[in-house]
Amino acid sequence: MTVKRFKTYVIDYVDVVPELDQVEWIYYLDIDILFGAPFMDLVQKLGEENNIGGNDDMVSKFYFFKHLAYQYVAQGGFMIAHRETAKKCLELWRREMDSHLEEEHDQVSLNLISRSIKEGKERSCRLTLMDQRDHISYPRRDGSLNKMMRDRSYTSLIHIRNTANDTFFGEGVHERL
């Protein structure tokens, strides 16, 4: 999981670009998540549904979609982080990942953070789980992406996964690219 830890530095990456000094909220997407609809529509919908906006309480917070699999709390490929306060949460996530390098999925670390928050052991971070509703889809090699394209009906986010368990592009795609 050592590669996945780099997403926990997203605020540090933004901080080195002076043109981004006015950015308050950071929307992070893994490389295998595509936009299927206008981004600002998604921002508005998620903001309304999850009360994303100001950060008056200054609690470190970050937002994730609820994971569809029962064993994980959050889907780690899409994150919303408040620039001024989320560093505590991101550092906590990185520490959990570093403590469990044998784990393939970053969701395991999010599970541990969620449990610590629920048990009252972690008070410096707030993890908000957002309903996926019609915001994100997970097309498979069963023709669902072709159907979306044919119908011109796209979710805001399209997660084209290429993992060992669900290879969208087929075997050996990395060698061919």
Protein backbone atom coordinates (compact mmCIF):
# COMPACT_ATOMS: atom_id res chain seq x y z
CA MET A 1 0.00 0.00 0.00
CA THR A 2 3.02 2.29 -0.04
CA VAL A 3 1.92 4.00 -3.27
CA LYS A 4 -1.55 4.81 -1.96
CA ARG A 5 -0.10 6.85 0.89
CA PHE A 6 0.83 9.64 -1.54
CA LYS A 7 -2.79 10.75 -1.76
CA THR A 8 -2.50 11.75 1.90
CA TYR A 9 -0.12 14.53 0.78
CA VAL A 10 -2.72 16.19 -1.47
CA ILE A 11 -2.76 19.41 0.58
CA ASP A 12 1.04 19.61 0.47
CA TYR A 13 0.93 19.30 -3.33
CA VAL A 14 -1.62 22.11 -3.59
CA ASP A 15 0.39 24.27 -1.18
CA VAL A 16 3.38 24.46 -3.55
CA VAL A 17 1.35 25.98 -6.40
CA PRO A 18 0.84 29.72 -5.77
CA GLU A 19 -2.03 29.86 -8.25
CA LEU A 20 -4.00 27.60 -5.92
CA ASP A 21 -3.62 29.79 -2.82
CA GLN A 22 -7.34 30.65 -2.84
CA VAL A 23 -8.48 27.02 -2.97
CA GLU A 24 -10.29 26.11 0.24
CA TRP A 25 -11.70 22.65 -0.53
CA ILE A 26 -9.76 19.95 -2.37
CA TYR A 27 -11.51 17.24 -4.37
CA TYR A 28 -9.19 14.28 -4.88
CA LEU A 29 -9.87 11.53 -7.44
CA ASP A 30 -7.80 8.40 -8.05
CA ILE A 31 -6.50 8.14 -11.59
CA ASP A 32 -9.08 5.49 -12.51
CA ILE A 33 -12.07 7.78 -11.82
CA LEU A 34 -13.39 9.81 -14.74
CA PHE A 35 -15.88 12.65 -14.96
CA GLY A 36 -19.12 11.72 -16.68
CA ALA A 37 -20.98 14.97 -16.00
CA PRO A 38 -20.08 18.59 -15.16
CA PHE A 39 -17.90 18.81 -12.07
CA MET A 40 -19.59 21.87 -10.59
CA ASP A 41 -22.95 20.07 -10.61
CA LEU A 42 -21.37 17.32 -8.50
CA VAL A 43 -19.78 19.86 -6.14
CA GLN A 44 -23.14 21.55 -5.61
CA LYS A 45 -25.04 18.30 -5.04
CA LEU A 46 -22.49 16.87 -2.62
CA GLY A 47 -22.28 20.18 -0.79
CA GLU A 48 -26.03 20.30 -0.27
CA GLU A 49 -26.38 16.63 0.67
CA ASN A 50 -23.45 16.58 3.11
CA ASN A 51 -23.34 20.13 4.45
CA ILE A 52 -19.94 20.78 2.85
CA GLY A 53 -19.01 24.40 3.00
CA GLY A 54 -17.68 26.46 5.84
CA ASN A 55 -15.43 25.06 8.47
CA ASP A 56 -16.34 27.23 11.44
CA ASP A 57 -15.60 24.56 14.04
CA MET A 58 -12.05 24.08 12.68
CA VAL A 59 -12.24 20.32 13.23
CA SER A 60 -10.07 18.38 10.82
CA LYS A 61 -12.42 16.75 8.37
CA PHE A 62 -12.53 14.80 5.18
CA TYR A 63 -15.32 13.21 3.18
CA PHE A 64 -15.53 9.90 1.33
CA PHE A 65 -18.22 7.91 -0.42
CA LYS A 66 -19.54 4.97 1.58
CA HIS A 67 -18.00 1.77 0.28
CA LEU A 68 -20.31 -0.72 -1.41
CA ALA A 69 -18.52 -3.73 0.06
CA TYR A 70 -19.60 -4.66 3.58
CA GLN A 71 -16.02 -5.08 4.87
CA TYR A 72 -15.02 -1.46 4.17
CA VAL A 73 -16.43 1.79 5.52
CA ALA A 74 -15.25 4.21 2.84
CA GLN A 75 -14.25 4.22 -0.84
CA GLY A 76 -10.74 5.73 -0.76
CA GLY A 77 -10.54 6.81 -4.40
CA PHE A 78 -12.61 9.99 -4.03
CA MET A 79 -12.01 12.41 -1.20
CA ILE A 80 -12.99 15.93 -0.27
CA ALA A 81 -10.66 17.67 2.18
CA HIS A 82 -10.76 21.10 3.79
CA ARG A 83 -7.40 22.66 3.01
CA GLU A 84 -6.88 24.48 6.29
CA THR A 85 -7.87 21.70 8.65
CA ALA A 86 -7.74 18.28 6.94
CA LYS A 87 -4.01 17.74 7.44
CA LYS A 88 -4.62 16.06 10.82
CA CYS A 89 -6.96 13.54 9.19
CA LEU A 90 -4.60 12.96 6.28
CA GLU A 91 -1.63 12.46 8.61
CA LEU A 92 -3.68 10.00 10.66
CA TRP A 93 -4.64 8.12 7.49
CA ARG A 94 -0.97 8.02 6.40
CA ARG A 95 0.14 6.73 9.82
CA GLU A 96 -2.47 3.97 9.67
CA MET A 97 -1.35 3.01 6.17
CA ASP A 98 2.30 3.00 7.25
CA SER A 99 1.39 0.78 10.20
CA HIS A 100 -0.32 -1.73 7.89
CA LEU A 101 1.91 -1.89 4.81
CA GLU A 102 0.90 -5.50 4.23
CA GLU A 103 -2.65 -4.36 3.39
CA GLU A 104 -3.43 -3.92 -0.30
CA HIS A 105 -6.38 -1.54 0.22
CA ASP A 106 -6.27 1.92 1.78
CA GLN A 107 -9.84 1.33 2.94
CA VAL A 108 -8.49 -0.85 5.76
CA SER A 109 -6.86 2.23 7.28
CA LEU A 110 -10.07 4.21 6.87
CA ASN A 111 -11.89 1.43 8.73
CA LEU A 112 -9.44 1.79 11.63
CA ILE A 113 -9.87 5.58 11.71
CA SER A 114 -13.65 5.25 11.63
CA ARG A 115 -13.56 2.77 14.52
CA SER A 116 -11.27 5.07 16.56
CA ILE A 117 -13.64 7.99 16.01
CA LYS A 118 -16.71 5.93 16.98
CA GLU A 119 -14.99 4.62 20.11
CA GLY A 120 -14.03 8.18 21.12
CA LYS A 121 -10.29 7.46 20.88
CA GLU A 122 -9.86 9.90 17.98
CA ARG A 123 -11.31 13.38 18.44
CA SER A 124 -9.12 15.51 16.18
CA CYS A 125 -10.57 14.14 12.93
CA ARG A 126 -14.06 13.88 11.46
CA LEU A 127 -14.70 11.30 8.75
CA THR A 128 -17.94 11.94 6.87
CA LEU A 129 -19.35 9.15 4.71
CA MET A 130 -21.39 10.34 1.74
CA ASP A 131 -24.13 8.36 0.02
CA GLN A 132 -23.07 7.28 -3.47
CA ARG A 133 -26.61 7.58 -4.85
CA ASP A 134 -26.33 8.30 -8.54
CA HIS A 135 -23.00 10.11 -8.23
CA ILE A 136 -20.62 7.31 -9.15
CA SER A 137 -20.85 4.17 -11.25
CA TYR A 138 -18.61 1.14 -11.56
CA PRO A 139 -18.88 -0.23 -15.10
CA ARG A 140 -17.64 -3.75 -15.67
CA ARG A 141 -16.72 -5.79 -18.70
CA ASP A 142 -20.36 -6.82 -18.90
CA GLY A 143 -21.17 -4.02 -21.38
CA SER A 144 -22.40 -1.49 -18.80
CA LEU A 145 -19.97 1.20 -20.04
CA ASN A 146 -21.12 0.64 -23.62
CA LYS A 147 -24.72 0.96 -22.44
CA MET A 148 -23.93 4.26 -20.69
CA MET A 149 -22.30 5.55 -23.86
CA ARG A 150 -25.13 4.35 -26.07
CA ASP A 151 -27.78 5.90 -23.81
CA ARG A 152 -25.65 9.02 -23.18
CA SER A 153 -26.53 8.62 -19.54
CA TYR A 154 -23.54 9.10 -17.27
CA THR A 155 -23.09 9.41 -13.55
CA SER A 156 -20.99 12.35 -12.35
CA LEU A 157 -18.08 9.99 -11.70
CA ILE A 158 -17.20 6.78 -13.50
CA HIS A 159 -14.80 4.47 -11.70
CA ILE A 160 -12.96 2.34 -14.26
CA ARG A 161 -11.34 -0.14 -11.92
CA ASN A 162 -8.41 -2.24 -12.99
CA THR A 163 -7.67 -4.33 -9.95
CA ALA A 164 -6.82 -7.98 -9.60
CA ASN A 165 -10.37 -8.79 -8.53
CA ASP A 166 -12.19 -6.87 -11.26
CA THR A 167 -10.08 -6.27 -14.33
CA PHE A 168 -11.99 -3.92 -16.63
CA PHE A 169 -9.42 -3.74 -19.41
CA GLY A 170 -8.35 -7.37 -19.37
CA GLU A 171 -5.16 -9.22 -18.59
CA GLY A 172 -1.83 -7.70 -19.59
CA VAL A 173 -3.13 -4.19 -20.29
CA HIS A 174 -0.26 -2.57 -18.38
CA GLU A 175 2.31 -4.35 -20.51
CA ARG A 176 0.61 -3.15 -23.72
CA LEU A 177 0.40 0.50 -22.61
